C-alpha atoms as a PDB file:
ATOM      1  CA  MET A   1       5.927  17.808  -3.411  1.00  0.00           C
ATOM      2  CA  PRO A   2       7.550  14.966  -1.490  1.00  0.00           C
ATOM      3  CA  LEU A   3       8.100  11.551  -3.021  1.00  0.00           C
ATOM      4  CA  PHE A   4       6.379   8.587  -1.343  1.00  0.00           C
ATOM      5  CA  PHE A   5       6.810   4.890  -2.082  1.00  0.00           C
ATOM      6  CA  LEU A   6       3.925   2.468  -1.508  1.00  0.00           C
ATOM      7  CA  HIS A   7       5.467  -0.960  -0.990  1.00  0.00           C
ATOM      8  CA  VAL A   8       3.298  -4.052  -0.458  1.00  0.00           C
ATOM      9  CA  ARG A   9       4.238  -6.490   2.294  1.00  0.00           C
ATOM     10  CA  ASP A  10       2.957 -10.032   1.642  1.00  0.00           C
ATOM     11  CA  GLY A  11       4.169 -12.344   4.391  1.00  0.00           C
ATOM     12  CA  ASP A  12       7.957 -12.244   4.384  1.00  0.00           C
ATOM     13  CA  GLY A  13       8.090 -10.716   0.900  1.00  0.00           C
ATOM     14  CA  LEU A  14       8.127  -7.052  -0.049  1.00  0.00           C
ATOM     15  CA  ILE A  15       6.916  -5.861  -3.434  1.00  0.00           C
ATOM     16  CA  ARG A  16       8.668  -2.548  -3.943  1.00  0.00           C
ATOM     17  CA  ASP A  17       7.153   0.468  -5.625  1.00  0.00           C
ATOM     18  CA  PRO A  18       9.968   1.291  -8.083  1.00  0.00           C
ATOM     19  CA  GLU A  19       8.820   4.791  -9.080  1.00  0.00           C
ATOM     20  CA  GLY A  20       7.003   6.285  -6.125  1.00  0.00           C
ATOM     21  CA  SER A  21       4.452   9.078  -6.290  1.00  0.00           C
ATOM     22  CA  ARG A  22       4.762  12.794  -5.676  1.00  0.00           C
ATOM     23  CA  LEU A  23       1.994  13.662  -3.232  1.00  0.00           C
ATOM     24  CA  HIS A  24       1.198  16.672  -1.051  1.00  0.00           C
ATOM     25  CA  ASP A  25       1.689  14.996   2.313  1.00  0.00           C
ATOM     26  CA  LEU A  26       1.480  11.766   4.292  1.00  0.00           C
ATOM     27  CA  GLU A  27      -2.323  11.941   4.442  1.00  0.00           C
ATOM     28  CA  ALA A  28      -2.470  12.061   0.627  1.00  0.00           C
ATOM     29  CA  ALA A  29      -0.104   9.074   0.525  1.00  0.00           C
ATOM     30  CA  ARG A  30      -2.366   7.225   2.990  1.00  0.00           C
ATOM     31  CA  THR A  31      -5.405   7.945   0.804  1.00  0.00           C
ATOM     32  CA  GLN A  32      -3.542   6.630  -2.246  1.00  0.00           C
ATOM     33  CA  ALA A  33      -2.464   3.542  -0.277  1.00  0.00           C
ATOM     34  CA  ILE A  34      -6.082   2.813   0.704  1.00  0.00           C
ATOM     35  CA  GLU A  35      -7.208   3.040  -2.923  1.00  0.00           C
ATOM     36  CA  SER A  36      -4.311   0.869  -4.080  1.00  0.00           C
ATOM     37  CA  ALA A  37      -4.894  -1.756  -1.383  1.00  0.00           C
ATOM     38  CA  ARG A  38      -8.582  -2.040  -2.321  1.00  0.00           C
ATOM     39  CA  GLU A  39      -7.668  -2.383  -5.987  1.00  0.00           C
ATOM     40  CA  LEU A  40      -5.081  -5.064  -5.208  1.00  0.00           C
ATOM     41  CA  MET A  41      -7.624  -7.026  -3.156  1.00  0.00           C
ATOM     42  CA  VAL A  42     -10.095  -6.977  -6.058  1.00  0.00           C
ATOM     43  CA  HIS A  43      -7.403  -8.248  -8.454  1.00  0.00           C
ATOM     44  CA  SER A  44      -6.395 -10.890  -5.930  1.00  0.00           C
ATOM     45  CA  ILE A  45      -9.965 -12.146  -5.586  1.00  0.00           C
ATOM     46  CA  VAL A  46     -10.443 -12.337  -9.348  1.00  0.00           C
ATOM     47  CA  GLY A  47      -7.009 -13.727 -10.212  1.00  0.00           C
ATOM     48  CA  GLU A  48      -6.118 -15.897  -7.219  1.00  0.00           C
ATOM     49  CA  GLY A  49      -9.409 -16.577  -5.491  1.00  0.00           C
ATOM     50  CA  ARG A  50      -8.168 -15.006  -2.248  1.00  0.00           C
ATOM     51  CA  ILE A  51      -8.666 -11.612  -0.664  1.00  0.00           C
ATOM     52  CA  GLY A  52      -5.083 -11.032   0.416  1.00  0.00           C
ATOM     53  CA  ILE A  53      -6.233  -9.354   3.612  1.00  0.00           C
ATOM     54  CA  GLU A  54      -3.053 -10.409   5.421  1.00  0.00           C
ATOM     55  CA  ARG A  55      -1.020  -7.972   3.306  1.00  0.00           C
ATOM     56  CA  SER A  56      -0.069  -4.452   4.282  1.00  0.00           C
ATOM     57  CA  MET A  57       1.075  -1.304   2.523  1.00  0.00           C
ATOM     58  CA  GLU A  58       4.289   0.317   3.742  1.00  0.00           C
ATOM     59  CA  ILE A  59       4.496   4.015   2.992  1.00  0.00           C
ATOM     60  CA  CYS A  60       8.119   5.161   2.823  1.00  0.00           C
ATOM     61  CA  ASP A  61       9.812   8.470   2.098  1.00  0.00           C
ATOM     62  CA  ALA A  62      12.493   9.066  -0.534  1.00  0.00           C
ATOM     63  CA  GLY A  63      15.191   8.121   1.980  1.00  0.00           C
ATOM     64  CA  GLY A  64      13.610   4.708   2.580  1.00  0.00           C
ATOM     65  CA  ALA A  65      12.242   5.434   6.067  1.00  0.00           C
ATOM     66  CA  THR A  66       8.909   3.766   6.796  1.00  0.00           C
ATOM     67  CA  LEU A  67       6.397   6.466   7.696  1.00  0.00           C
ATOM     68  CA  LEU A  68       3.227   4.382   7.988  1.00  0.00           C
ATOM     69  CA  ILE A  69       2.143   0.759   7.780  1.00  0.00           C
ATOM     70  CA  LEU A  70      -1.421   0.272   6.571  1.00  0.00           C
ATOM     71  CA  PRO A  71      -2.818  -3.250   7.049  1.00  0.00           C
ATOM     72  CA  PHE A  72      -5.183  -4.218   4.242  1.00  0.00           C
ATOM     73  CA  ARG A  73      -7.782  -5.261   6.828  1.00  0.00           C
ATOM     74  CA  GLU A  74      -8.112  -1.578   7.794  1.00  0.00           C
ATOM     75  CA  VAL A  75      -9.196  -0.517   4.301  1.00  0.00           C
ATOM     76  CA  ILE A  76     -12.358  -2.613   4.260  1.00  0.00           C
ATOM     77  CA  ALA A  77     -15.393  -0.444   4.964  1.00  0.00           C
ATOM     78  CA  PRO A  78     -17.585  -1.762   7.795  1.00  0.00           C
END
């Protein structure tokens, strides 16, 4: 299984995923990123009093290439 890294972009800063996750494909990585983004927003609300909706998740491959950028605002169910 390929290795994917789910980095969090917060403004100009990048919080790197140091270990990555072995997942079946990019769609599985996207699903994991959605779950992680929702979890991070909950922690942000509780801990900082803000949603953090301006953040995004950058899904990268083992070589460091960005495969997908997932804005947190897209993971909120209508």
